[in-house]
Amino acid sequence: MNIGLALGSGSSRGWSHIGVINELADQGIVPDIICGTSIGSLVGASYVSNNLEKLEEWVCSLTKFETARFFEINTSLNGFVNIERLHHFLSKYVASENSAINGLAKQYATVATDLETGREVWLTKGTVLEAVWSSISLPGLFPAIRNDNKWLVDGGLVNPVPISVCRALGADIVIAVNLNGDIVGKHFQKPNNIIKQNTGVVGKITDLVTEYAASAFSTTKAEDQPPSLFEAIASSVNITQDRITRSRMAGDPPDILLSPKLSHIGLLEFYRASEAINEGKECVQRMLPEIRHVLSMA
């Protein structure tokens, strides 16, 4: 019996995948097929490359300052991520530069989106890092990635929880991890004071856009002030991924669905890894009776 693990998208909430994988292993449940979208592809790649322990140790040491260093003002306007720093992180904690998908001990695949056609693209060959880069390229933060004559961006735009990919690769039982089940509206918070000054690149951009929007529409009440730039982006991404996930799972439900409660963790709060990982573990523990039942019936 082949067990497939579909690791969904969800930005910083994706560190909970580490907790899920570790707790499943503690319970003697080891997947044969790993498919990931966006942050799920990153954690999945680290797992199949035997780097998960190193990744967990590093992400749990992240601070707000260290997280902020991954972002910068990019004069080319392709994105706000410090590509050089991210590349170093991926090659050290996820997979080596030359690691090939077909050389892995487990089956592995990622999902990306073809920017020109809107179609989903399954990456099942080539280097692991290339597959991860293509899947995590969230528009606005990352530049699109050129792969096989296609411009690819984040797979969460088309298939946030890659259940279908697991089945196509031969999974008899699919365990899916959905990070988007309780997030819509949770990060939409109106600013209390329009002149509040933030720090760092993200904060300065947020202040600038919010101040411009406020003056353009001449609002004075706090509740009438527009959301900040990143609040708007976060809420938009949350809505899109929630709706797509619901639609995809209605037509192709997993055998076991894990839905960690992560609405308290923001889109870019990567420094809250310990909370996310613990919730991933607890989610598996809550679902153990169902997991045992499904596996025993297979």
C-alpha atoms as a PDB file:
ATOM      1  CA  MET A   1       0.000   0.000   0.000  1.00  0.00           C
ATOM      2  CA  ASN A   2       1.450   3.341  -1.086  1.00  0.00           C
ATOM      3  CA  ILE A   3       0.736   6.301   1.183  1.00  0.00           C
ATOM      4  CA  GLY A   4       0.808   9.744  -0.377  1.00  0.00           C
ATOM      5  CA  LEU A   5       1.272  12.954   1.595  1.00  0.00           C
ATOM      6  CA  ALA A   6      -0.090  16.140  -0.013  1.00  0.00           C
ATOM      7  CA  LEU A   7       1.454  19.197   1.648  1.00  0.00           C
ATOM      8  CA  GLY A   8      -0.550  22.332   0.975  1.00  0.00           C
ATOM      9  CA  SER A   9       0.349  25.981   0.468  1.00  0.00           C
ATOM     10  CA  GLY A  10       0.085  28.591   3.192  1.00  0.00           C
ATOM     11  CA  SER A  11       3.278  30.633   3.430  1.00  0.00           C
ATOM     12  CA  SER A  12       4.571  30.873   7.038  1.00  0.00           C
ATOM     13  CA  ARG A  13       1.845  28.520   8.248  1.00  0.00           C
ATOM     14  CA  GLY A  14       3.651  25.842   6.254  1.00  0.00           C
ATOM     15  CA  TRP A  15       6.123  25.171   9.044  1.00  0.00           C
ATOM     16  CA  SER A  16       3.318  23.090  10.558  1.00  0.00           C
ATOM     17  CA  HIS A  17       4.116  20.500   7.868  1.00  0.00           C
ATOM     18  CA  ILE A  18       7.277  19.741   9.844  1.00  0.00           C
ATOM     19  CA  GLY A  19       5.204  18.851  12.890  1.00  0.00           C
ATOM     20  CA  VAL A  20       2.831  16.736  10.803  1.00  0.00           C
ATOM     21  CA  ILE A  21       5.651  14.725   9.206  1.00  0.00           C
ATOM     22  CA  ASN A  22       7.443  14.193  12.522  1.00  0.00           C
ATOM     23  CA  GLU A  23       4.320  13.109  14.376  1.00  0.00           C
ATOM     24  CA  LEU A  24       3.275  10.727  11.606  1.00  0.00           C
ATOM     25  CA  ALA A  25       6.750   9.175  11.788  1.00  0.00           C
ATOM     26  CA  ASP A  26       6.449   8.846  15.577  1.00  0.00           C
ATOM     27  CA  GLN A  27       3.216   6.945  14.984  1.00  0.00           C
ATOM     28  CA  GLY A  28       4.913   4.624  12.503  1.00  0.00           C
ATOM     29  CA  ILE A  29       3.291   6.214   9.445  1.00  0.00           C
ATOM     30  CA  VAL A  30       5.840   6.916   6.713  1.00  0.00           C
ATOM     31  CA  PRO A  31       4.601   8.165   3.322  1.00  0.00           C
ATOM     32  CA  ASP A  32       5.958   6.740   0.080  1.00  0.00           C
ATOM     33  CA  ILE A  33       4.946   9.705  -2.096  1.00  0.00           C
ATOM     34  CA  ILE A  34       5.432  13.377  -1.199  1.00  0.00           C
ATOM     35  CA  CYS A  35       3.737  16.115  -3.222  1.00  0.00           C
ATOM     36  CA  GLY A  36       3.867  19.765  -2.252  1.00  0.00           C
ATOM     37  CA  THR A  37       2.566  23.136  -3.309  1.00  0.00           C
ATOM     38  CA  SER A  38       4.416  26.341  -2.410  1.00  0.00           C
ATOM     39  CA  ILE A  39       5.699  26.087   1.199  1.00  0.00           C
ATOM     40  CA  GLY A  40       4.564  22.451   1.107  1.00  0.00           C
ATOM     41  CA  SER A  41       7.005  21.797  -1.721  1.00  0.00           C
ATOM     42  CA  LEU A  42       9.829  23.334   0.325  1.00  0.00           C
ATOM     43  CA  VAL A  43       9.187  21.298   3.471  1.00  0.00           C
ATOM     44  CA  GLY A  44       8.547  18.187   1.399  1.00  0.00           C
ATOM     45  CA  ALA A  45      11.846  18.620  -0.434  1.00  0.00           C
ATOM     46  CA  SER A  46      13.708  19.009   2.845  1.00  0.00           C
ATOM     47  CA  TYR A  47      12.093  15.806   4.108  1.00  0.00           C
ATOM     48  CA  VAL A  48      12.911  13.655   1.071  1.00  0.00           C
ATOM     49  CA  SER A  49      16.461  15.088   1.082  1.00  0.00           C
ATOM     50  CA  ASN A  50      16.949  14.069   4.740  1.00  0.00           C
ATOM     51  CA  ASN A  51      17.344  17.690   5.826  1.00  0.00           C
ATOM     52  CA  LEU A  52      14.145  18.079   7.855  1.00  0.00           C
ATOM     53  CA  GLU A  53      15.874  18.068  11.240  1.00  0.00           C
ATOM     54  CA  LYS A  54      18.283  20.790  10.106  1.00  0.00           C
ATOM     55  CA  LEU A  55      15.398  22.812   8.669  1.00  0.00           C
ATOM     56  CA  GLU A  56      13.372  22.533  11.876  1.00  0.00           C
ATOM     57  CA  GLU A  57      16.292  23.652  14.017  1.00  0.00           C
ATOM     58  CA  TRP A  58      16.934  26.669  11.798  1.00  0.00           C
ATOM     59  CA  VAL A  59      13.332  27.871  11.416  1.00  0.00           C
ATOM     60  CA  CYS A  60      12.780  27.596  15.169  1.00  0.00           C
ATOM     61  CA  SER A  61      15.729  29.950  15.662  1.00  0.00           C
ATOM     62  CA  LEU A  62      14.315  32.616  13.320  1.00  0.00           C
ATOM     63  CA  THR A  63      13.599  36.053  14.767  1.00  0.00           C
ATOM     64  CA  LYS A  64      11.608  38.961  13.368  1.00  0.00           C
ATOM     65  CA  PHE A  65      14.870  40.625  12.401  1.00  0.00           C
ATOM     66  CA  GLU A  66      16.208  37.545  10.596  1.00  0.00           C
ATOM     67  CA  THR A  67      12.899  37.186   8.747  1.00  0.00           C
ATOM     68  CA  ALA A  68      12.997  40.831   7.665  1.00  0.00           C
ATOM     69  CA  ARG A  69      16.462  40.314   6.165  1.00  0.00           C
ATOM     70  CA  PHE A  70      14.909  38.040   3.535  1.00  0.00           C
ATOM     71  CA  PHE A  71      13.055  41.051   2.112  1.00  0.00           C
ATOM     72  CA  GLU A  72      14.434  44.069   0.290  1.00  0.00           C
ATOM     73  CA  ILE A  73      13.409  46.848  -2.063  1.00  0.00           C
ATOM     74  CA  ASN A  74      13.975  45.421  -5.528  1.00  0.00           C
ATOM     75  CA  THR A  75      14.487  48.177  -8.105  1.00  0.00           C
ATOM     76  CA  SER A  76      13.513  45.805 -10.915  1.00  0.00           C
ATOM     77  CA  LEU A  77      10.053  45.526  -9.294  1.00  0.00           C
ATOM     78  CA  ASN A  78      10.055  41.738  -9.764  1.00  0.00           C
ATOM     79  CA  GLY A  79       9.546  41.046  -6.086  1.00  0.00           C
ATOM     80  CA  PHE A  80      10.624  41.873  -2.544  1.00  0.00           C
ATOM     81  CA  VAL A  81      12.503  38.688  -1.657  1.00  0.00           C
ATOM     82  CA  ASN A  82      16.281  38.759  -1.279  1.00  0.00           C
ATOM     83  CA  ILE A  83      17.007  36.062  -3.864  1.00  0.00           C
ATOM     84  CA  GLU A  84      20.651  35.535  -2.885  1.00  0.00           C
ATOM     85  CA  ARG A  85      19.834  34.987   0.780  1.00  0.00           C
ATOM     86  CA  LEU A  86      16.912  32.692  -0.047  1.00  0.00           C
ATOM     87  CA  HIS A  87      19.054  30.651  -2.442  1.00  0.00           C
ATOM     88  CA  HIS A  88      21.627  30.122   0.314  1.00  0.00           C
ATOM     89  CA  PHE A  89      18.885  29.001   2.695  1.00  0.00           C
ATOM     90  CA  LEU A  90      17.395  26.530   0.195  1.00  0.00           C
ATOM     91  CA  SER A  91      20.715  24.940  -0.722  1.00  0.00           C
ATOM     92  CA  LYS A  92      21.726  24.539   2.934  1.00  0.00           C
ATOM     93  CA  TYR A  93      18.474  23.418   4.580  1.00  0.00           C
ATOM     94  CA  VAL A  94      16.306  22.048   1.775  1.00  0.00           C
ATOM     95  CA  ALA A  95      18.344  20.319  -0.963  1.00  0.00           C
ATOM     96  CA  SER A  96      21.778  20.534  -2.539  1.00  0.00           C
ATOM     97  CA  GLU A  97      22.276  22.358  -5.816  1.00  0.00           C
ATOM     98  CA  ASN A  98      22.569  19.232  -7.955  1.00  0.00           C
ATOM     99  CA  SER A  99      20.062  17.010  -6.173  1.00  0.00           C
ATOM    100  CA  ALA A 100      17.781  15.462  -8.828  1.00  0.00           C
ATOM    101  CA  ILE A 101      14.169  14.439  -8.269  1.00  0.00           C
ATOM    102  CA  ASN A 102      14.679  11.084  -9.975  1.00  0.00           C
ATOM    103  CA  GLY A 103      17.568  10.343  -7.604  1.00  0.00           C
ATOM    104  CA  LEU A 104      15.488  10.660  -4.430  1.00  0.00           C
ATOM    105  CA  ALA A 105      14.578   7.663  -2.272  1.00  0.00           C
ATOM    106  CA  LYS A 106      10.898   8.658  -2.358  1.00  0.00           C
ATOM    107  CA  GLN A 107       8.650   9.879  -5.138  1.00  0.00           C
ATOM    108  CA  TYR A 108       8.427  13.655  -5.066  1.00  0.00           C
ATOM    109  CA  ALA A 109       6.621  16.303  -7.096  1.00  0.00           C
ATOM    110  CA  THR A 110       5.680  19.963  -6.834  1.00  0.00           C
ATOM    111  CA  VAL A 111       2.944  22.103  -8.364  1.00  0.00           C
ATOM    112  CA  ALA A 112       3.460  25.462 -10.086  1.00  0.00           C
ATOM    113  CA  THR A 113       1.272  27.732 -12.228  1.00  0.00           C
ATOM    114  CA  ASP A 114       1.971  28.619 -15.852  1.00  0.00           C
ATOM    115  CA  LEU A 115       1.712  32.405 -15.804  1.00  0.00           C
ATOM    116  CA  GLU A 116       0.767  32.631 -19.482  1.00  0.00           C
ATOM    117  CA  THR A 117      -1.952  29.969 -19.655  1.00  0.00           C
ATOM    118  CA  GLY A 118      -3.060  29.668 -16.029  1.00  0.00           C
ATOM    119  CA  ARG A 119      -2.615  25.904 -16.153  1.00  0.00           C
ATOM    120  CA  GLU A 120      -1.085  23.901 -13.339  1.00  0.00           C
ATOM    121  CA  VAL A 121       2.313  22.366 -13.994  1.00  0.00           C
ATOM    122  CA  TRP A 122       3.554  19.233 -12.222  1.00  0.00           C
ATOM    123  CA  LEU A 123       7.307  19.165 -11.704  1.00  0.00           C
ATOM    124  CA  THR A 124       8.385  15.531 -11.476  1.00  0.00           C
ATOM    125  CA  LYS A 125      11.883  15.732 -12.960  1.00  0.00           C
ATOM    126  CA  GLY A 126      14.898  18.034 -12.993  1.00  0.00           C
ATOM    127  CA  THR A 127      16.600  19.375  -9.888  1.00  0.00           C
ATOM    128  CA  VAL A 128      14.816  19.535  -6.557  1.00  0.00           C
ATOM    129  CA  LEU A 129      15.656  23.204  -6.013  1.00  0.00           C
ATOM    130  CA  GLU A 130      14.323  24.189  -9.430  1.00  0.00           C
ATOM    131  CA  ALA A 131      11.043  22.446  -8.621  1.00  0.00           C
ATOM    132  CA  VAL A 132      10.819  24.199  -5.252  1.00  0.00           C
ATOM    133  CA  TRP A 133      11.673  27.631  -6.679  1.00  0.00           C
ATOM    134  CA  SER A 134       8.946  27.266  -9.296  1.00  0.00           C
ATOM    135  CA  SER A 135       6.324  26.273  -6.737  1.00  0.00           C
ATOM    136  CA  ILE A 136       7.015  28.971  -4.100  1.00  0.00           C
ATOM    137  CA  SER A 137       7.158  32.020  -6.392  1.00  0.00           C
ATOM    138  CA  LEU A 138       4.269  33.957  -4.883  1.00  0.00           C
ATOM    139  CA  PRO A 139       3.489  36.934  -7.169  1.00  0.00           C
ATOM    140  CA  GLY A 140       4.491  40.225  -5.581  1.00  0.00           C
ATOM    141  CA  LEU A 141       7.156  38.638  -3.408  1.00  0.00           C
ATOM    142  CA  PHE A 142       9.093  36.488  -5.879  1.00  0.00           C
ATOM    143  CA  PRO A 143       9.895  36.945  -9.563  1.00  0.00           C
ATOM    144  CA  ALA A 144       8.408  34.378 -11.956  1.00  0.00           C
ATOM    145  CA  ILE A 145      10.739  31.443 -12.704  1.00  0.00           C
ATOM    146  CA  ARG A 146      11.623  30.335 -16.250  1.00  0.00           C
ATOM    147  CA  ASN A 147      11.295  26.559 -16.487  1.00  0.00           C
ATOM    148  CA  ASP A 148      10.939  24.451 -19.650  1.00  0.00           C
ATOM    149  CA  ASN A 149      10.068  27.555 -21.711  1.00  0.00           C
ATOM    150  CA  LYS A 150       7.310  28.541 -19.273  1.00  0.00           C
ATOM    151  CA  TRP A 151       7.119  31.372 -16.762  1.00  0.00           C
ATOM    152  CA  LEU A 152       6.053  29.684 -13.531  1.00  0.00           C
ATOM    153  CA  VAL A 153       4.631  31.130 -10.314  1.00  0.00           C
ATOM    154  CA  ASP A 154       3.189  29.794  -7.057  1.00  0.00           C
ATOM    155  CA  GLY A 155       1.215  26.562  -7.413  1.00  0.00           C
ATOM    156  CA  GLY A 156      -1.233  27.679  -4.731  1.00  0.00           C
ATOM    157  CA  LEU A 157      -3.023  29.724  -7.386  1.00  0.00           C
ATOM    158  CA  VAL A 158      -4.327  26.554  -9.053  1.00  0.00           C
ATOM    159  CA  ASN A 159      -3.877  23.558  -6.728  1.00  0.00           C
ATOM    160  CA  PRO A 160      -3.244  24.542  -3.093  1.00  0.00           C
ATOM    161  CA  VAL A 161      -3.396  20.955  -1.771  1.00  0.00           C
ATOM    162  CA  PRO A 162      -1.969  18.566  -4.417  1.00  0.00           C
ATOM    163  CA  ILE A 163      -4.123  15.501  -3.752  1.00  0.00           C
ATOM    164  CA  SER A 164      -4.510  14.844  -7.474  1.00  0.00           C
ATOM    165  CA  VAL A 165      -0.738  14.709  -7.946  1.00  0.00           C
ATOM    166  CA  CYS A 166      -0.360  12.093  -5.198  1.00  0.00           C
ATOM    167  CA  ARG A 167      -3.009   9.919  -6.814  1.00  0.00           C
ATOM    168  CA  ALA A 168      -1.446  10.296 -10.259  1.00  0.00           C
ATOM    169  CA  LEU A 169       1.902   9.115  -8.856  1.00  0.00           C
ATOM    170  CA  GLY A 170       0.297   5.954  -7.510  1.00  0.00           C
ATOM    171  CA  ALA A 171      -0.864   6.696  -3.962  1.00  0.00           C
ATOM    172  CA  ASP A 172      -3.482   4.255  -2.649  1.00  0.00           C
ATOM    173  CA  ILE A 173      -4.157   6.399   0.423  1.00  0.00           C
ATOM    174  CA  VAL A 174      -3.720  10.178   0.425  1.00  0.00           C
ATOM    175  CA  ILE A 175      -3.162  12.146   3.611  1.00  0.00           C
ATOM    176  CA  ALA A 176      -3.702  15.832   2.814  1.00  0.00           C
ATOM    177  CA  VAL A 177      -2.618  18.811   4.920  1.00  0.00           C
ATOM    178  CA  ASN A 178      -4.786  21.874   4.311  1.00  0.00           C
ATOM    179  CA  LEU A 179      -3.412  25.072   5.841  1.00  0.00           C
ATOM    180  CA  ASN A 180      -6.235  27.264   4.556  1.00  0.00           C
ATOM    181  CA  GLY A 181      -9.254  25.891   6.389  1.00  0.00           C
ATOM    182  CA  ASP A 182      -9.789  28.653   8.961  1.00  0.00           C
ATOM    183  CA  ILE A 183      -8.011  31.707   7.596  1.00  0.00           C
ATOM    184  CA  VAL A 184     -10.459  33.834   5.587  1.00  0.00           C
ATOM    185  CA  GLY A 185     -10.886  37.237   7.203  1.00  0.00           C
ATOM    186  CA  LYS A 186      -8.551  36.448  10.100  1.00  0.00           C
ATOM    187  CA  HIS A 187      -5.808  38.846   8.972  1.00  0.00           C
ATOM    188  CA  PHE A 188      -8.022  41.701   7.814  1.00  0.00           C
ATOM    189  CA  GLN A 189      -7.439  44.285  10.507  1.00  0.00           C
ATOM    190  CA  LYS A 190      -7.962  47.969   9.917  1.00  0.00           C
ATOM    191  CA  PRO A 191      -5.145  50.209  11.152  1.00  0.00           C
ATOM    192  CA  ASN A 192      -5.890  52.163  14.332  1.00  0.00           C
ATOM    193  CA  ASN A 193      -3.729  55.110  13.388  1.00  0.00           C
ATOM    194  CA  ILE A 194      -2.894  56.067   9.831  1.00  0.00           C
ATOM    195  CA  ILE A 195       0.277  57.888  10.827  1.00  0.00           C
ATOM    196  CA  LYS A 196       1.710  54.948  12.725  1.00  0.00           C
ATOM    197  CA  GLN A 197       5.267  54.363  11.534  1.00  0.00           C
ATOM    198  CA  ASN A 198       6.519  50.851  10.912  1.00  0.00           C
ATOM    199  CA  THR A 199      10.080  49.664  10.596  1.00  0.00           C
ATOM    200  CA  GLY A 200      11.816  47.665   7.909  1.00  0.00           C
ATOM    201  CA  VAL A 201      11.140  47.470   4.191  1.00  0.00           C
ATOM    202  CA  VAL A 202       7.730  45.828   4.528  1.00  0.00           C
ATOM    203  CA  GLY A 203       6.643  48.343   7.157  1.00  0.00           C
ATOM    204  CA  LYS A 204       7.783  51.368   5.162  1.00  0.00           C
ATOM    205  CA  ILE A 205       6.014  50.153   2.016  1.00  0.00           C
ATOM    206  CA  THR A 206       2.875  49.488   4.053  1.00  0.00           C
ATOM    207  CA  ASP A 207       2.957  52.991   5.579  1.00  0.00           C
ATOM    208  CA  LEU A 208       3.548  54.610   2.213  1.00  0.00           C
ATOM    209  CA  VAL A 209       0.700  52.863   0.389  1.00  0.00           C
ATOM    210  CA  THR A 210      -1.743  53.223   3.280  1.00  0.00           C
ATOM    211  CA  GLU A 211      -1.001  56.937   3.657  1.00  0.00           C
ATOM    212  CA  TYR A 212      -1.445  57.523  -0.083  1.00  0.00           C
ATOM    213  CA  ALA A 213      -4.719  55.616  -0.207  1.00  0.00           C
ATOM    214  CA  ALA A 214      -6.064  57.446   2.825  1.00  0.00           C
ATOM    215  CA  SER A 215      -5.302  60.885   1.393  1.00  0.00           C
ATOM    216  CA  ALA A 216      -6.706  59.944  -2.003  1.00  0.00           C
ATOM    217  CA  PHE A 217     -10.093  58.964  -0.569  1.00  0.00           C
ATOM    218  CA  SER A 218     -10.172  61.654   2.143  1.00  0.00           C
ATOM    219  CA  THR A 219     -11.403  59.436   4.973  1.00  0.00           C
ATOM    220  CA  THR A 220     -11.010  60.454   8.586  1.00  0.00           C
ATOM    221  CA  LYS A 221     -12.605  57.710  10.694  1.00  0.00           C
ATOM    222  CA  ALA A 222     -10.365  54.818  11.724  1.00  0.00           C
ATOM    223  CA  GLU A 223     -12.894  52.256  10.517  1.00  0.00           C
ATOM    224  CA  ASP A 224     -12.953  53.950   7.094  1.00  0.00           C
ATOM    225  CA  GLN A 225      -9.223  53.738   6.589  1.00  0.00           C
ATOM    226  CA  PRO A 226      -8.138  51.213   3.960  1.00  0.00           C
ATOM    227  CA  PRO A 227      -6.258  48.071   5.009  1.00  0.00           C
ATOM    228  CA  SER A 228      -2.510  48.162   4.694  1.00  0.00           C
ATOM    229  CA  LEU A 229      -0.808  46.838   1.581  1.00  0.00           C
ATOM    230  CA  PHE A 230       0.171  43.509   3.132  1.00  0.00           C
ATOM    231  CA  GLU A 231      -3.136  43.082   4.956  1.00  0.00           C
ATOM    232  CA  ALA A 232      -4.836  43.381   1.569  1.00  0.00           C
ATOM    233  CA  ILE A 233      -2.400  40.946  -0.054  1.00  0.00           C
ATOM    234  CA  ALA A 234      -2.727  38.453   2.809  1.00  0.00           C
ATOM    235  CA  SER A 235      -6.521  38.560   2.787  1.00  0.00           C
ATOM    236  CA  SER A 236      -6.645  38.233  -1.003  1.00  0.00           C
ATOM    237  CA  VAL A 237      -4.331  35.218  -0.977  1.00  0.00           C
ATOM    238  CA  ASN A 238      -6.317  33.662   1.867  1.00  0.00           C
ATOM    239  CA  ILE A 239      -9.620  34.046   0.028  1.00  0.00           C
ATOM    240  CA  THR A 240      -8.245  32.704  -3.257  1.00  0.00           C
ATOM    241  CA  GLN A 241      -6.600  29.651  -1.736  1.00  0.00           C
ATOM    242  CA  ASP A 242      -9.574  28.850   0.499  1.00  0.00           C
ATOM    243  CA  ARG A 243     -12.023  28.927  -2.412  1.00  0.00           C
ATOM    244  CA  ILE A 244      -9.794  26.906  -4.728  1.00  0.00           C
ATOM    245  CA  THR A 245      -9.051  24.353  -2.008  1.00  0.00           C
ATOM    246  CA  ARG A 246     -12.748  23.847  -1.288  1.00  0.00           C
ATOM    247  CA  SER A 247     -13.509  23.402  -4.976  1.00  0.00           C
ATOM    248  CA  ARG A 248     -10.658  20.973  -5.644  1.00  0.00           C
ATOM    249  CA  MET A 249     -11.339  18.825  -2.586  1.00  0.00           C
ATOM    250  CA  ALA A 250     -15.050  18.618  -3.360  1.00  0.00           C
ATOM    251  CA  GLY A 251     -14.190  16.828  -6.604  1.00  0.00           C
ATOM    252  CA  ASP A 252     -11.181  14.898  -5.326  1.00  0.00           C
ATOM    253  CA  PRO A 253     -11.283  14.491  -1.544  1.00  0.00           C
ATOM    254  CA  PRO A 254      -8.349  12.945   0.308  1.00  0.00           C
ATOM    255  CA  ASP A 255      -8.708   9.784   2.344  1.00  0.00           C
ATOM    256  CA  ILE A 256      -7.476  11.640   5.424  1.00  0.00           C
ATOM    257  CA  LEU A 257      -7.654  15.413   5.847  1.00  0.00           C
ATOM    258  CA  LEU A 258      -5.490  17.234   8.365  1.00  0.00           C
ATOM    259  CA  SER A 259      -6.411  20.875   8.997  1.00  0.00           C
ATOM    260  CA  PRO A 260      -4.116  22.539  11.545  1.00  0.00           C
ATOM    261  CA  LYS A 261      -5.601  25.572  13.304  1.00  0.00           C
ATOM    262  CA  LEU A 262      -3.278  28.336  12.147  1.00  0.00           C
ATOM    263  CA  SER A 263      -5.392  31.446  11.638  1.00  0.00           C
ATOM    264  CA  HIS A 264      -3.422  33.280  14.341  1.00  0.00           C
ATOM    265  CA  ILE A 265      -0.231  33.132  12.241  1.00  0.00           C
ATOM    266  CA  GLY A 266       0.135  35.813   9.569  1.00  0.00           C
ATOM    267  CA  LEU A 267       1.210  35.337   5.953  1.00  0.00           C
ATOM    268  CA  LEU A 268       4.840  36.394   6.516  1.00  0.00           C
ATOM    269  CA  GLU A 269       5.315  35.502  10.189  1.00  0.00           C
ATOM    270  CA  PHE A 270       7.955  32.860   9.486  1.00  0.00           C
ATOM    271  CA  TYR A 271       9.516  33.485  12.909  1.00  0.00           C
ATOM    272  CA  ARG A 272       6.535  31.746  14.579  1.00  0.00           C
ATOM    273  CA  ALA A 273       7.740  28.311  13.490  1.00  0.00           C
ATOM    274  CA  SER A 274       7.582  26.670  16.922  1.00  0.00           C
ATOM    275  CA  GLU A 275       3.866  27.474  17.225  1.00  0.00           C
ATOM    276  CA  ALA A 276       3.124  26.158  13.747  1.00  0.00           C
ATOM    277  CA  ILE A 277       5.155  22.965  14.234  1.00  0.00           C
ATOM    278  CA  ASN A 278       3.456  22.208  17.571  1.00  0.00           C
ATOM    279  CA  GLU A 279       0.035  22.673  16.012  1.00  0.00           C
ATOM    280  CA  GLY A 280       1.003  20.311  13.199  1.00  0.00           C
ATOM    281  CA  LYS A 281       1.868  17.635  15.755  1.00  0.00           C
ATOM    282  CA  GLU A 282      -1.306  18.229  17.753  1.00  0.00           C
ATOM    283  CA  CYS A 283      -3.425  18.078  14.612  1.00  0.00           C
ATOM    284  CA  VAL A 284      -2.111  14.580  13.836  1.00  0.00           C
ATOM    285  CA  GLN A 285      -2.738  13.508  17.433  1.00  0.00           C
ATOM    286  CA  ARG A 286      -6.342  14.753  17.260  1.00  0.00           C
ATOM    287  CA  MET A 287      -6.903  12.806  14.047  1.00  0.00           C
ATOM    288  CA  LEU A 288      -5.147   9.569  15.080  1.00  0.00           C
ATOM    289  CA  PRO A 289      -8.336   7.494  15.517  1.00  0.00           C
ATOM    290  CA  GLU A 290      -9.463   8.419  11.990  1.00  0.00           C
ATOM    291  CA  ILE A 291      -5.992   7.858  10.552  1.00  0.00           C
ATOM    292  CA  ARG A 292      -5.754   4.423  12.165  1.00  0.00           C
ATOM    293  CA  HIS A 293      -9.225   3.498  10.968  1.00  0.00           C
ATOM    294  CA  VAL A 294      -8.591   4.481   7.336  1.00  0.00           C
ATOM    295  CA  LEU A 295      -5.199   2.749   7.188  1.00  0.00           C
ATOM    296  CA  SER A 296      -6.597  -0.424   8.729  1.00  0.00           C
ATOM    297  CA  MET A 297      -9.367  -0.555   6.109  1.00  0.00           C
ATOM    298  CA  ALA A 298      -7.005  -0.140   3.153  1.00  0.00           C
END
